[in-house]
Amino acid sequence: MTIEWIAHSCFKITLEDGRVILFDPFDSAIGYTMPEISADVVLISHDHYDHNCTDSLRGDYVLIREAGVTELEGIRVEGIPTYHDHEKGAKRGRNVMFKVTAEGLNLLHMGDVGEVPDEALLEKIGAVDILFIPVGGVYTIDAEEALETCKRIDPNIIVPMHYKTLFLTLDIDPVFKFTDAAGRYYDRSRLGGSSFSITSGDKKKRTRIMVMENSLEG
């Protein structure tokens, strides 16, 4: 599969058969204009404008925005309910993490998770190969909480998201607060591009943080 970071928390996953899975498309109010994308599966973690805008999407896609399991041909999607804050959703409501299993890989997109997973949630999450995790704080877990979350989930590849980038209008922290803290524990690399391809045989010997360039700043 090929993984492309569009911007913010939006990722485009293209499978070997050409099908496209899209996480958390955004409204242009965030400072970036969402490109037109033809998708087969669209996953929305919660109903905020920087994660739920489908206006520019094309295709006869399956839209999933709730917890539960959806089985598609060769794709398993599990929505796992979480909270958007530390107060059981009292401040910002609920959030759904999506675990996608396809082509022998487990991907977990955490959306705007606002809590560090406890043992019960970790059991629901299970094994994760590629973790897309918010690190910018304010509206989500912050850098230190993201590091603790990574330690508990123990993925093979960590992809930071939902942090301050060049044109983003949200007042959140830049990625270096997370990479500086997490670099004591994990290998780090800056991809220098907006996409990479991976198969189930390409796992790293050690957990690696991969900092990507979003595709709208190139």
N, C-alpha and C. Protein backbone atom coordinates (compact mmCIF):
# COMPACT_ATOMS: atom_id res chain seq x y z
N MET A 1 0.83 -1.19 0.00
CA MET A 1 0.00 0.00 0.00
C MET A 1 0.87 1.25 0.00
N THR A 2 0.26 2.35 -0.45
CA THR A 2 0.93 3.64 -0.42
C THR A 2 0.18 4.54 0.54
N ILE A 3 0.92 5.21 1.41
CA ILE A 3 0.35 6.11 2.41
C ILE A 3 0.76 7.52 2.07
N GLU A 4 -0.22 8.40 1.89
CA GLU A 4 0.04 9.80 1.56
C GLU A 4 -0.58 10.70 2.62
N TRP A 5 0.20 11.65 3.10
CA TRP A 5 -0.33 12.66 4.03
C TRP A 5 -0.82 13.84 3.22
N ILE A 6 -2.13 14.09 3.26
CA ILE A 6 -2.69 15.24 2.55
C ILE A 6 -2.37 16.51 3.34
N ALA A 7 -2.81 16.56 4.58
CA ALA A 7 -2.48 17.64 5.53
C ALA A 7 -3.24 17.34 6.82
N HIS A 8 -2.78 17.96 7.91
CA HIS A 8 -3.46 17.89 9.21
C HIS A 8 -3.63 16.43 9.64
N SER A 9 -4.85 15.91 9.71
CA SER A 9 -5.08 14.51 10.09
C SER A 9 -5.59 13.67 8.93
N CYS A 10 -5.49 14.20 7.72
CA CYS A 10 -6.03 13.52 6.54
C CYS A 10 -4.95 12.71 5.83
N PHE A 11 -5.19 11.42 5.72
CA PHE A 11 -4.28 10.51 5.03
C PHE A 11 -5.04 9.73 3.97
N LYS A 12 -4.37 9.53 2.85
CA LYS A 12 -4.92 8.74 1.74
C LYS A 12 -4.13 7.43 1.65
N ILE A 13 -4.85 6.32 1.78
CA ILE A 13 -4.23 4.99 1.70
C ILE A 13 -4.66 4.37 0.38
N THR A 14 -3.70 4.05 -0.47
CA THR A 14 -4.01 3.42 -1.76
C THR A 14 -3.52 1.97 -1.72
N LEU A 15 -4.44 1.04 -1.85
CA LEU A 15 -4.10 -0.38 -1.81
C LEU A 15 -3.57 -0.84 -3.16
N GLU A 16 -2.99 -2.03 -3.18
CA GLU A 16 -2.39 -2.55 -4.40
C GLU A 16 -3.42 -2.71 -5.52
N ASP A 17 -4.68 -2.95 -5.17
CA ASP A 17 -5.71 -3.09 -6.20
C ASP A 17 -6.30 -1.75 -6.63
N GLY A 18 -5.75 -0.65 -6.10
CA GLY A 18 -6.18 0.68 -6.51
C GLY A 18 -7.25 1.31 -5.64
N ARG A 19 -7.83 0.55 -4.72
CA ARG A 19 -8.84 1.13 -3.85
C ARG A 19 -8.23 2.14 -2.89
N VAL A 20 -9.01 3.16 -2.57
CA VAL A 20 -8.52 4.27 -1.75
C VAL A 20 -9.32 4.36 -0.45
N ILE A 21 -8.60 4.42 0.66
CA ILE A 21 -9.18 4.65 1.98
C ILE A 21 -8.72 6.04 2.41
N LEU A 22 -9.64 6.88 2.85
CA LEU A 22 -9.30 8.25 3.24
C LEU A 22 -9.72 8.50 4.68
N PHE A 23 -8.77 9.02 5.48
CA PHE A 23 -9.05 9.39 6.86
C PHE A 23 -9.26 10.90 6.99
N ASP A 24 -10.28 11.31 7.69
CA ASP A 24 -10.49 12.67 8.21
C ASP A 24 -10.24 13.81 7.21
N PRO A 25 -11.06 13.91 6.15
CA PRO A 25 -10.96 15.06 5.24
C PRO A 25 -11.38 16.35 5.94
N PHE A 26 -10.79 17.47 5.55
CA PHE A 26 -10.96 18.72 6.29
C PHE A 26 -11.59 19.83 5.45
N ASP A 27 -12.10 20.83 6.15
CA ASP A 27 -12.63 22.04 5.54
C ASP A 27 -11.48 23.03 5.32
N SER A 28 -11.61 23.90 4.31
CA SER A 28 -10.55 24.84 3.98
C SER A 28 -10.32 25.89 5.07
N ALA A 29 -11.20 25.96 6.06
CA ALA A 29 -11.01 26.90 7.16
C ALA A 29 -9.75 26.61 7.95
N ILE A 30 -9.16 25.43 7.80
CA ILE A 30 -7.92 25.12 8.54
C ILE A 30 -6.70 25.79 7.91
N GLY A 31 -6.86 26.38 6.72
CA GLY A 31 -5.72 27.02 6.06
C GLY A 31 -5.22 26.28 4.84
N TYR A 32 -5.72 25.08 4.61
CA TYR A 32 -5.40 24.29 3.44
C TYR A 32 -6.69 23.97 2.69
N THR A 33 -6.61 23.87 1.36
CA THR A 33 -7.77 23.50 0.56
C THR A 33 -7.72 22.01 0.27
N MET A 34 -8.74 21.31 0.69
CA MET A 34 -8.81 19.87 0.47
C MET A 34 -8.92 19.59 -1.04
N PRO A 35 -8.01 18.78 -1.60
CA PRO A 35 -8.09 18.48 -3.03
C PRO A 35 -9.23 17.53 -3.34
N GLU A 36 -9.64 17.49 -4.60
CA GLU A 36 -10.62 16.51 -5.03
C GLU A 36 -9.96 15.13 -5.03
N ILE A 37 -10.59 14.20 -4.33
CA ILE A 37 -10.05 12.84 -4.22
C ILE A 37 -11.18 11.86 -4.46
N SER A 38 -10.93 10.88 -5.31
CA SER A 38 -11.88 9.79 -5.52
C SER A 38 -11.56 8.68 -4.52
N ALA A 39 -12.53 8.34 -3.69
CA ALA A 39 -12.28 7.39 -2.60
C ALA A 39 -13.26 6.22 -2.67
N ASP A 40 -12.87 5.14 -2.04
CA ASP A 40 -13.73 3.96 -1.91
C ASP A 40 -14.25 3.80 -0.48
N VAL A 41 -13.43 4.20 0.49
CA VAL A 41 -13.82 4.15 1.90
C VAL A 41 -13.37 5.46 2.54
N VAL A 42 -14.29 6.13 3.25
CA VAL A 42 -13.96 7.38 3.94
C VAL A 42 -14.29 7.21 5.42
N LEU A 43 -13.31 7.51 6.26
CA LEU A 43 -13.44 7.33 7.71
C LEU A 43 -13.36 8.69 8.38
N ILE A 44 -14.35 9.01 9.21
CA ILE A 44 -14.41 10.30 9.90
C ILE A 44 -14.45 10.06 11.40
N SER A 45 -13.45 10.56 12.09
CA SER A 45 -13.29 10.25 13.51
C SER A 45 -14.27 11.01 14.40
N HIS A 46 -14.67 12.22 13.99
CA HIS A 46 -15.63 13.00 14.78
C HIS A 46 -16.12 14.18 13.95
N ASP A 47 -17.16 14.82 14.43
CA ASP A 47 -17.87 15.80 13.63
C ASP A 47 -17.38 17.23 13.88
N HIS A 48 -16.08 17.47 13.66
CA HIS A 48 -15.53 18.82 13.69
C HIS A 48 -15.00 19.16 12.31
N TYR A 49 -15.04 20.44 11.95
CA TYR A 49 -14.78 20.87 10.57
C TYR A 49 -13.41 20.49 10.04
N ASP A 50 -12.45 20.30 10.93
CA ASP A 50 -11.11 19.94 10.46
C ASP A 50 -10.93 18.44 10.29
N HIS A 51 -12.05 17.70 10.36
CA HIS A 51 -11.98 16.24 10.21
C HIS A 51 -13.14 15.63 9.43
N ASN A 52 -14.15 16.41 9.08
CA ASN A 52 -15.40 15.79 8.61
C ASN A 52 -15.94 16.33 7.29
N CYS A 53 -15.12 17.03 6.50
CA CYS A 53 -15.64 17.69 5.30
C CYS A 53 -15.49 16.78 4.07
N THR A 54 -16.61 16.40 3.50
CA THR A 54 -16.61 15.49 2.35
C THR A 54 -16.92 16.20 1.03
N ASP A 55 -16.98 17.53 1.02
CA ASP A 55 -17.41 18.28 -0.17
C ASP A 55 -16.58 18.00 -1.41
N SER A 56 -15.28 17.79 -1.24
CA SER A 56 -14.41 17.62 -2.40
C SER A 56 -14.17 16.15 -2.76
N LEU A 57 -14.85 15.25 -2.08
CA LEU A 57 -14.62 13.83 -2.33
C LEU A 57 -15.50 13.34 -3.48
N ARG A 58 -14.97 12.42 -4.24
CA ARG A 58 -15.67 11.86 -5.39
C ARG A 58 -15.71 10.35 -5.26
N GLY A 59 -16.59 9.72 -6.05
CA GLY A 59 -16.69 8.27 -6.05
C GLY A 59 -17.84 7.77 -5.21
N ASP A 60 -18.20 6.53 -5.43
CA ASP A 60 -19.29 5.89 -4.68
C ASP A 60 -18.70 5.24 -3.43
N TYR A 61 -18.27 6.10 -2.50
CA TYR A 61 -17.52 5.61 -1.36
C TYR A 61 -18.42 5.16 -0.21
N VAL A 62 -17.88 4.27 0.61
CA VAL A 62 -18.51 3.86 1.86
C VAL A 62 -18.05 4.84 2.94
N LEU A 63 -19.00 5.48 3.61
CA LEU A 63 -18.68 6.44 4.66
C LEU A 63 -18.90 5.79 6.02
N ILE A 64 -17.86 5.82 6.85
CA ILE A 64 -17.94 5.22 8.19
C ILE A 64 -17.54 6.28 9.20
N ARG A 65 -18.42 6.52 10.15
CA ARG A 65 -18.13 7.54 11.16
C ARG A 65 -18.56 7.11 12.56
N GLU A 66 -18.87 5.84 12.72
CA GLU A 66 -19.32 5.32 14.00
C GLU A 66 -18.46 4.15 14.44
N ALA A 67 -18.51 3.83 15.73
CA ALA A 67 -17.83 2.66 16.25
C ALA A 67 -18.49 1.39 15.74
N GLY A 68 -17.70 0.32 15.67
CA GLY A 68 -18.21 -0.95 15.18
C GLY A 68 -17.29 -1.52 14.13
N VAL A 69 -17.63 -2.70 13.63
CA VAL A 69 -16.80 -3.40 12.66
C VAL A 69 -17.49 -3.43 11.31
N THR A 70 -16.74 -3.07 10.28
CA THR A 70 -17.23 -3.15 8.90
C THR A 70 -16.27 -4.02 8.11
N GLU A 71 -16.79 -5.06 7.49
CA GLU A 71 -15.96 -5.95 6.68
C GLU A 71 -16.23 -5.65 5.20
N LEU A 72 -15.18 -5.28 4.49
CA LEU A 72 -15.24 -5.09 3.05
C LEU A 72 -14.32 -6.13 2.41
N GLU A 73 -14.30 -6.21 1.12
CA GLU A 73 -13.48 -7.22 0.48
C GLU A 73 -12.00 -6.95 0.73
N GLY A 74 -11.39 -7.75 1.58
CA GLY A 74 -9.97 -7.60 1.88
C GLY A 74 -9.64 -6.48 2.82
N ILE A 75 -10.65 -5.81 3.37
CA ILE A 75 -10.44 -4.69 4.29
C ILE A 75 -11.32 -4.88 5.51
N ARG A 76 -10.72 -4.76 6.67
CA ARG A 76 -11.50 -4.78 7.91
C ARG A 76 -11.34 -3.43 8.60
N VAL A 77 -12.45 -2.79 8.89
CA VAL A 77 -12.42 -1.50 9.57
C VAL A 77 -13.11 -1.65 10.92
N GLU A 78 -12.39 -1.29 11.98
CA GLU A 78 -12.97 -1.32 13.32
C GLU A 78 -12.92 0.08 13.92
N GLY A 79 -14.09 0.62 14.21
CA GLY A 79 -14.18 1.90 14.90
C GLY A 79 -14.20 1.68 16.40
N ILE A 80 -13.27 2.30 17.09
CA ILE A 80 -13.10 2.11 18.53
C ILE A 80 -13.45 3.41 19.23
N PRO A 81 -14.48 3.43 20.08
CA PRO A 81 -14.91 4.68 20.72
C PRO A 81 -13.92 5.17 21.77
N THR A 82 -13.64 6.47 21.73
CA THR A 82 -12.77 7.12 22.72
C THR A 82 -13.35 8.49 23.02
N TYR A 83 -12.62 9.26 23.83
CA TYR A 83 -13.06 10.61 24.16
C TYR A 83 -12.09 11.65 23.58
N HIS A 84 -12.65 12.82 23.34
CA HIS A 84 -11.91 13.93 22.74
C HIS A 84 -11.21 14.78 23.81
N ASP A 85 -11.34 14.40 25.06
CA ASP A 85 -10.75 15.18 26.15
C ASP A 85 -10.50 14.27 27.34
N HIS A 86 -9.99 14.87 28.42
CA HIS A 86 -9.67 14.11 29.62
C HIS A 86 -10.86 13.95 30.55
N GLU A 87 -12.01 14.48 30.17
CA GLU A 87 -13.17 14.49 31.06
C GLU A 87 -14.34 13.70 30.49
N LYS A 88 -14.02 12.54 29.90
CA LYS A 88 -15.04 11.64 29.37
C LYS A 88 -15.97 12.33 28.37
N GLY A 89 -15.40 13.22 27.56
CA GLY A 89 -16.16 13.88 26.52
C GLY A 89 -16.93 15.10 26.95
N ALA A 90 -16.82 15.51 28.21
CA ALA A 90 -17.60 16.64 28.72
C ALA A 90 -17.25 17.94 28.01
N LYS A 91 -15.99 18.09 27.58
CA LYS A 91 -15.56 19.33 26.92
C LYS A 91 -15.75 19.30 25.41
N ARG A 92 -15.34 18.20 24.77
CA ARG A 92 -15.31 18.17 23.31
C ARG A 92 -16.01 16.97 22.70
N GLY A 93 -16.63 16.15 23.51
CA GLY A 93 -17.41 15.06 22.96
C GLY A 93 -16.61 13.79 22.72
N ARG A 94 -17.13 12.98 21.83
CA ARG A 94 -16.53 11.67 21.56
C ARG A 94 -15.66 11.70 20.32
N ASN A 95 -14.84 10.69 20.21
CA ASN A 95 -13.92 10.51 19.10
C ASN A 95 -13.88 9.02 18.77
N VAL A 96 -13.78 8.70 17.49
CA VAL A 96 -13.67 7.30 17.09
C VAL A 96 -12.30 7.08 16.46
N MET A 97 -11.52 6.18 17.03
CA MET A 97 -10.30 5.72 16.39
C MET A 97 -10.66 4.63 15.38
N PHE A 98 -9.96 4.62 14.27
CA PHE A 98 -10.23 3.58 13.27
C PHE A 98 -9.01 2.70 13.07
N LYS A 99 -9.21 1.40 13.29
CA LYS A 99 -8.19 0.41 13.01
C LYS A 99 -8.54 -0.27 11.70
N VAL A 100 -7.65 -0.13 10.74
CA VAL A 100 -7.85 -0.72 9.42
C VAL A 100 -6.85 -1.84 9.22
N THR A 101 -7.34 -3.00 8.86
CA THR A 101 -6.48 -4.15 8.56
C THR A 101 -6.63 -4.47 7.08
N ALA A 102 -5.52 -4.38 6.36
CA ALA A 102 -5.52 -4.65 4.92
C ALA A 102 -4.12 -5.03 4.50
N GLU A 103 -4.00 -5.94 3.56
CA GLU A 103 -2.73 -6.37 3.00
C GLU A 103 -1.73 -6.78 4.08
N GLY A 104 -2.25 -7.39 5.15
CA GLY A 104 -1.40 -7.91 6.21
C GLY A 104 -0.85 -6.87 7.16
N LEU A 105 -1.38 -5.64 7.11
CA LEU A 105 -0.93 -4.57 8.00
C LEU A 105 -2.08 -4.03 8.82
N ASN A 106 -1.78 -3.66 10.07
CA ASN A 106 -2.76 -3.02 10.95
C ASN A 106 -2.43 -1.54 11.09
N LEU A 107 -3.35 -0.69 10.65
CA LEU A 107 -3.18 0.75 10.75
C LEU A 107 -4.15 1.29 11.80
N LEU A 108 -3.69 2.18 12.66
CA LEU A 108 -4.58 2.80 13.65
C LEU A 108 -4.49 4.31 13.51
N HIS A 109 -5.60 4.92 13.14
CA HIS A 109 -5.71 6.38 13.06
C HIS A 109 -6.48 6.83 14.30
N MET A 110 -5.85 7.64 15.14
CA MET A 110 -6.42 7.95 16.44
C MET A 110 -7.35 9.16 16.43
N GLY A 111 -7.52 9.82 15.26
CA GLY A 111 -8.40 10.98 15.23
C GLY A 111 -7.94 12.04 16.20
N ASP A 112 -8.90 12.67 16.88
CA ASP A 112 -8.57 13.68 17.88
C ASP A 112 -8.67 13.10 19.28
N VAL A 113 -7.98 12.01 19.51
CA VAL A 113 -8.05 11.37 20.82
C VAL A 113 -7.52 12.34 21.88
N GLY A 114 -8.23 12.41 23.00
CA GLY A 114 -7.85 13.31 24.07
C GLY A 114 -7.48 12.61 25.36
N GLU A 115 -7.29 11.30 25.29
CA GLU A 115 -6.98 10.50 26.47
C GLU A 115 -5.88 9.49 26.15
N VAL A 116 -5.04 9.24 27.13
CA VAL A 116 -4.05 8.18 27.00
C VAL A 116 -4.76 6.84 27.26
N PRO A 117 -4.58 5.85 26.39
CA PRO A 117 -5.34 4.61 26.54
C PRO A 117 -5.01 3.85 27.82
N ASP A 118 -6.06 3.39 28.50
CA ASP A 118 -5.88 2.54 29.67
C ASP A 118 -5.83 1.08 29.22
N GLU A 119 -5.74 0.17 30.15
CA GLU A 119 -5.59 -1.25 29.80
C GLU A 119 -6.78 -1.77 29.01
N ALA A 120 -7.98 -1.35 29.37
CA ALA A 120 -9.18 -1.81 28.66
C ALA A 120 -9.16 -1.36 27.20
N LEU A 121 -8.77 -0.10 26.98
CA LEU A 121 -8.71 0.40 25.61
C LEU A 121 -7.58 -0.24 24.83
N LEU A 122 -6.45 -0.48 25.48
CA LEU A 122 -5.34 -1.15 24.81
C LEU A 122 -5.72 -2.55 24.35
N GLU A 123 -6.52 -3.23 25.14
CA GLU A 123 -6.97 -4.57 24.75
C GLU A 123 -7.84 -4.50 23.50
N LYS A 124 -8.68 -3.48 23.41
CA LYS A 124 -9.50 -3.31 22.21
C LYS A 124 -8.64 -2.98 20.98
N ILE A 125 -7.60 -2.20 21.19
CA ILE A 125 -6.74 -1.78 20.08
C ILE A 125 -5.96 -2.95 19.50
N GLY A 126 -5.35 -3.75 20.36
CA GLY A 126 -4.58 -4.89 19.88
C GLY A 126 -3.30 -4.49 19.18
N ALA A 127 -2.85 -5.33 18.25
CA ALA A 127 -1.58 -5.12 17.56
C ALA A 127 -1.70 -4.01 16.52
N VAL A 128 -0.70 -3.14 16.47
CA VAL A 128 -0.68 -2.03 15.52
C VAL A 128 0.68 -1.98 14.84
N ASP A 129 0.67 -1.92 13.51
CA ASP A 129 1.90 -1.76 12.75
C ASP A 129 2.21 -0.29 12.49
N ILE A 130 1.21 0.46 12.04
CA ILE A 130 1.40 1.88 11.71
C ILE A 130 0.40 2.70 12.52
N LEU A 131 0.93 3.63 13.30
CA LEU A 131 0.11 4.45 14.19
C LEU A 131 0.13 5.90 13.72
N PHE A 132 -1.05 6.45 13.44
CA PHE A 132 -1.21 7.86 13.12
C PHE A 132 -1.72 8.55 14.39
N ILE A 133 -0.89 9.41 14.97
CA ILE A 133 -1.18 9.90 16.31
C ILE A 133 -1.09 11.42 16.37
N PRO A 134 -2.11 12.09 16.97
CA PRO A 134 -2.02 13.55 17.14
C PRO A 134 -1.00 13.89 18.22
N VAL A 135 -0.24 14.96 17.98
CA VAL A 135 0.82 15.31 18.93
C VAL A 135 0.81 16.79 19.31
N GLY A 136 -0.10 17.59 18.74
CA GLY A 136 -0.05 19.03 18.90
C GLY A 136 -0.69 19.60 20.14
N GLY A 137 -1.36 18.77 20.93
CA GLY A 137 -1.97 19.26 22.16
C GLY A 137 -3.14 20.20 21.93
N VAL A 138 -3.56 20.88 22.98
CA VAL A 138 -4.67 21.83 23.02
C VAL A 138 -6.01 21.13 22.82
N TYR A 139 -6.22 20.55 21.64
CA TYR A 139 -7.48 19.85 21.34
C TYR A 139 -7.34 18.33 21.43
N THR A 140 -6.12 17.87 21.62
CA THR A 140 -5.84 16.43 21.65
C THR A 140 -4.81 16.17 22.75
N ILE A 141 -4.34 14.94 22.82
CA ILE A 141 -3.20 14.65 23.67
C ILE A 141 -2.01 15.49 23.21
N ASP A 142 -1.14 15.83 24.15
CA ASP A 142 0.03 16.64 23.81
C ASP A 142 1.25 15.74 23.56
N ALA A 143 2.42 16.34 23.42
CA ALA A 143 3.61 15.59 23.05
C ALA A 143 3.96 14.49 24.05
N GLU A 144 3.95 14.82 25.33
CA GLU A 144 4.30 13.83 26.35
C GLU A 144 3.25 12.73 26.45
N GLU A 145 1.99 13.11 26.32
CA GLU A 145 0.92 12.09 26.34
C GLU A 145 0.98 11.22 25.09
N ALA A 146 1.35 11.81 23.97
CA ALA A 146 1.50 11.03 22.75
C ALA A 146 2.64 10.02 22.90
N LEU A 147 3.74 10.45 23.52
CA LEU A 147 4.84 9.52 23.77
C LEU A 147 4.40 8.37 24.65
N GLU A 148 3.68 8.67 25.74
CA GLU A 148 3.19 7.61 26.61
C GLU A 148 2.25 6.67 25.87
N THR A 149 1.42 7.23 25.00
CA THR A 149 0.51 6.41 24.19
C THR A 149 1.29 5.49 23.27
N CYS A 150 2.34 6.00 22.64
CA CYS A 150 3.16 5.17 21.76
C CYS A 150 3.81 4.02 22.53
N LYS A 151 4.29 4.32 23.72
CA LYS A 151 4.90 3.27 24.54
C LYS A 151 3.89 2.17 24.85
N ARG A 152 2.66 2.56 25.13
CA ARG A 152 1.66 1.57 25.51
C ARG A 152 1.17 0.75 24.30
N ILE A 153 1.03 1.38 23.14
CA ILE A 153 0.54 0.68 21.96
C ILE A 153 1.66 -0.13 21.30
N ASP A 154 2.89 0.38 21.32
CA ASP A 154 4.06 -0.30 20.78
C ASP A 154 3.90 -0.63 19.29
N PRO A 155 3.70 0.40 18.46
CA PRO A 155 3.58 0.15 17.02
C PRO A 155 4.96 -0.02 16.38
N ASN A 156 4.98 -0.38 15.11
CA ASN A 156 6.25 -0.49 14.38
C ASN A 156 6.66 0.84 13.76
N ILE A 157 5.69 1.58 13.24
CA ILE A 157 5.94 2.89 12.65
C ILE A 157 4.98 3.90 13.27
N ILE A 158 5.51 5.06 13.65
CA ILE A 158 4.72 6.14 14.25
C ILE A 158 4.70 7.31 13.27
N VAL A 159 3.51 7.75 12.88
CA VAL A 159 3.38 8.90 11.99
C VAL A 159 2.67 10.02 12.77
N PRO A 160 3.39 11.08 13.16
CA PRO A 160 2.74 12.18 13.87
C PRO A 160 1.80 12.95 12.95
N MET A 161 0.73 13.50 13.53
CA MET A 161 -0.23 14.31 12.78
C MET A 161 -0.83 15.34 13.73
N HIS A 162 -1.70 16.19 13.19
CA HIS A 162 -2.43 17.18 13.99
C HIS A 162 -1.48 18.03 14.82
N TYR A 163 -0.52 18.64 14.13
CA TYR A 163 0.41 19.58 14.76
C TYR A 163 0.54 20.81 13.86
N LYS A 164 1.17 21.85 14.38
CA LYS A 164 1.28 23.11 13.66
C LYS A 164 2.17 22.96 12.43
N THR A 165 1.61 23.29 11.26
CA THR A 165 2.37 23.30 10.02
C THR A 165 2.23 24.68 9.39
N LEU A 166 2.89 24.88 8.26
CA LEU A 166 3.10 26.21 7.70
C LEU A 166 1.83 27.06 7.59
N PHE A 167 0.78 26.51 7.01
CA PHE A 167 -0.42 27.30 6.74
C PHE A 167 -1.58 26.97 7.68
N LEU A 168 -1.37 26.08 8.60
CA LEU A 168 -2.46 25.67 9.48
C LEU A 168 -2.89 26.82 10.39
N THR A 169 -4.20 27.05 10.48
CA THR A 169 -4.72 28.16 11.29
C THR A 169 -4.90 27.79 12.75
N LEU A 170 -4.90 26.51 13.09
CA LEU A 170 -5.12 26.10 14.47
C LEU A 170 -3.89 26.41 15.32
N ASP A 171 -4.14 26.88 16.53
CA ASP A 171 -3.05 27.24 17.45
C ASP A 171 -2.67 26.02 18.28
N ILE A 172 -1.85 25.17 17.68
CA ILE A 172 -1.38 23.96 18.36
C ILE A 172 0.13 23.89 18.25
N ASP A 173 0.74 22.95 18.95
CA ASP A 173 2.19 22.86 19.02
C ASP A 173 2.80 22.27 17.74
N PRO A 174 4.04 22.64 17.43
CA PRO A 174 4.75 22.01 16.31
C PRO A 174 5.20 20.60 16.66
N VAL A 175 5.64 19.88 15.64
CA VAL A 175 5.96 18.46 15.82
C VAL A 175 7.20 18.24 16.67
N PHE A 176 8.13 19.22 16.70
CA PHE A 176 9.42 18.96 17.37
C PHE A 176 9.26 18.69 18.86
N LYS A 177 8.20 19.20 19.49
CA LYS A 177 8.01 18.90 20.91
C LYS A 177 7.85 17.39 21.12
N PHE A 178 7.17 16.74 20.18
CA PHE A 178 7.01 15.29 20.26
C PHE A 178 8.29 14.57 19.85
N THR A 179 8.87 14.96 18.74
CA THR A 179 10.05 14.24 18.25
C THR A 179 11.24 14.40 19.20
N ASP A 180 11.36 15.57 19.84
CA ASP A 180 12.44 15.75 20.81
C ASP A 180 12.26 14.82 22.00
N ALA A 181 11.02 14.71 22.48
CA ALA A 181 10.75 13.84 23.63
C ALA A 181 10.88 12.36 23.26
N ALA A 182 10.33 12.01 22.09
CA ALA A 182 10.27 10.60 21.71
C ALA A 182 11.59 10.09 21.13
N GLY A 183 12.45 11.01 20.71
CA GLY A 183 13.71 10.60 20.12
C GLY A 183 14.64 9.88 21.09
N ARG A 184 14.35 10.00 22.36
CA ARG A 184 15.14 9.26 23.36
C ARG A 184 14.79 7.78 23.36
N TYR A 185 13.66 7.44 22.75
CA TYR A 185 13.17 6.06 22.80
C TYR A 185 13.11 5.39 21.44
N TYR A 186 12.92 6.18 20.37
CA TYR A 186 12.68 5.60 19.05
C TYR A 186 13.62 6.20 18.00
N ASP A 187 13.85 5.44 16.96
CA ASP A 187 14.53 5.99 15.79
C ASP A 187 13.63 7.05 15.16
N ARG A 188 14.26 8.03 14.51
CA ARG A 188 13.50 9.10 13.85
C ARG A 188 14.00 9.30 12.44
N SER A 189 13.09 9.61 11.54
CA SER A 189 13.49 9.99 10.19
C SER A 189 12.50 11.00 9.63
N ARG A 190 13.01 11.95 8.85
CA ARG A 190 12.16 12.91 8.14
C ARG A 190 12.06 12.42 6.71
N LEU A 191 10.86 12.13 6.29
CA LEU A 191 10.66 11.46 5.02
C LEU A 191 11.10 12.32 3.84
N GLY A 192 10.89 13.65 3.92
CA GLY A 192 11.25 14.50 2.79
C GLY A 192 10.28 14.38 1.64
N GLY A 193 9.11 13.85 1.90
CA GLY A 193 8.07 13.70 0.89
C GLY A 193 6.75 13.46 1.56
N SER A 194 5.69 13.39 0.76
CA SER A 194 4.35 13.26 1.32
C SER A 194 3.82 11.84 1.29
N SER A 195 4.59 10.88 0.77
CA SER A 195 4.06 9.51 0.68
C SER A 195 5.18 8.49 0.78
N PHE A 196 4.79 7.29 1.18
CA PHE A 196 5.70 6.16 1.15
C PHE A 196 4.90 4.89 0.92
N SER A 197 5.56 3.89 0.37
CA SER A 197 4.93 2.59 0.13
C SER A 197 5.46 1.58 1.12
N ILE A 198 4.60 0.66 1.51
CA ILE A 198 5.00 -0.34 2.51
C ILE A 198 4.21 -1.63 2.28
N THR A 199 4.85 -2.74 2.57
CA THR A 199 4.18 -4.04 2.56
C THR A 199 4.36 -4.67 3.94
N SER A 200 3.69 -5.78 4.15
CA SER A 200 3.78 -6.46 5.45
C SER A 200 5.19 -6.98 5.72
N GLY A 201 6.01 -7.09 4.69
CA GLY A 201 7.38 -7.56 4.87
C GLY A 201 8.38 -6.44 5.11
N ASP A 202 7.89 -5.20 5.16
CA ASP A 202 8.78 -4.04 5.27
C ASP A 202 8.89 -3.48 6.68
N LYS A 203 8.49 -4.22 7.67
CA LYS A 203 8.49 -3.68 9.03
C LYS A 203 9.92 -3.37 9.49
N LYS A 204 10.03 -2.37 10.35
CA LYS A 204 11.32 -1.93 10.85
C LYS A 204 11.81 -2.86 11.96
N LYS A 205 13.14 -2.93 12.11
CA LYS A 205 13.70 -3.73 13.19
C LYS A 205 13.41 -3.08 14.54
N ARG A 206 13.39 -1.75 14.56
CA ARG A 206 13.05 -0.98 15.75
C ARG A 206 11.93 -0.01 15.40
N THR A 207 11.13 0.35 16.39
CA THR A 207 10.07 1.32 16.15
C THR A 207 10.67 2.62 15.64
N ARG A 208 10.06 3.18 14.59
CA ARG A 208 10.58 4.40 13.96
C ARG A 208 9.48 5.45 13.85
N ILE A 209 9.82 6.68 14.19
CA ILE A 209 8.95 7.83 13.94
C ILE A 209 9.25 8.33 12.54
N MET A 210 8.23 8.45 11.72
CA MET A 210 8.38 8.97 10.37
C MET A 210 7.65 10.30 10.27
N VAL A 211 8.40 11.39 10.16
CA VAL A 211 7.81 12.72 10.00
C VAL A 211 7.68 12.99 8.51
N MET A 212 6.44 13.16 8.05
CA MET A 212 6.16 13.33 6.63
C MET A 212 6.00 14.81 6.28
N GLU A 213 6.09 15.12 5.01
CA GLU A 213 5.73 16.43 4.49
C GLU A 213 4.32 16.33 3.95
N ASN A 214 3.44 17.27 4.29
CA ASN A 214 2.11 17.15 3.73
C ASN A 214 2.11 17.54 2.26
N SER A 215 1.20 16.96 1.50
CA SER A 215 1.24 17.08 0.04
C SER A 215 0.84 18.46 -0.45
N LEU A 216 0.31 19.33 0.43
CA LEU A 216 -0.17 20.64 0.02
C LEU A 216 0.85 21.74 0.24
N GLU A 217 2.03 21.40 0.72
CA GLU A 217 3.08 22.41 0.92
C GLU A 217 4.24 22.23 -0.04
N GLY A 218 4.13 21.23 -0.96
CA GLY A 218 5.20 20.97 -1.89
C GLY A 218 5.17 21.92 -3.08
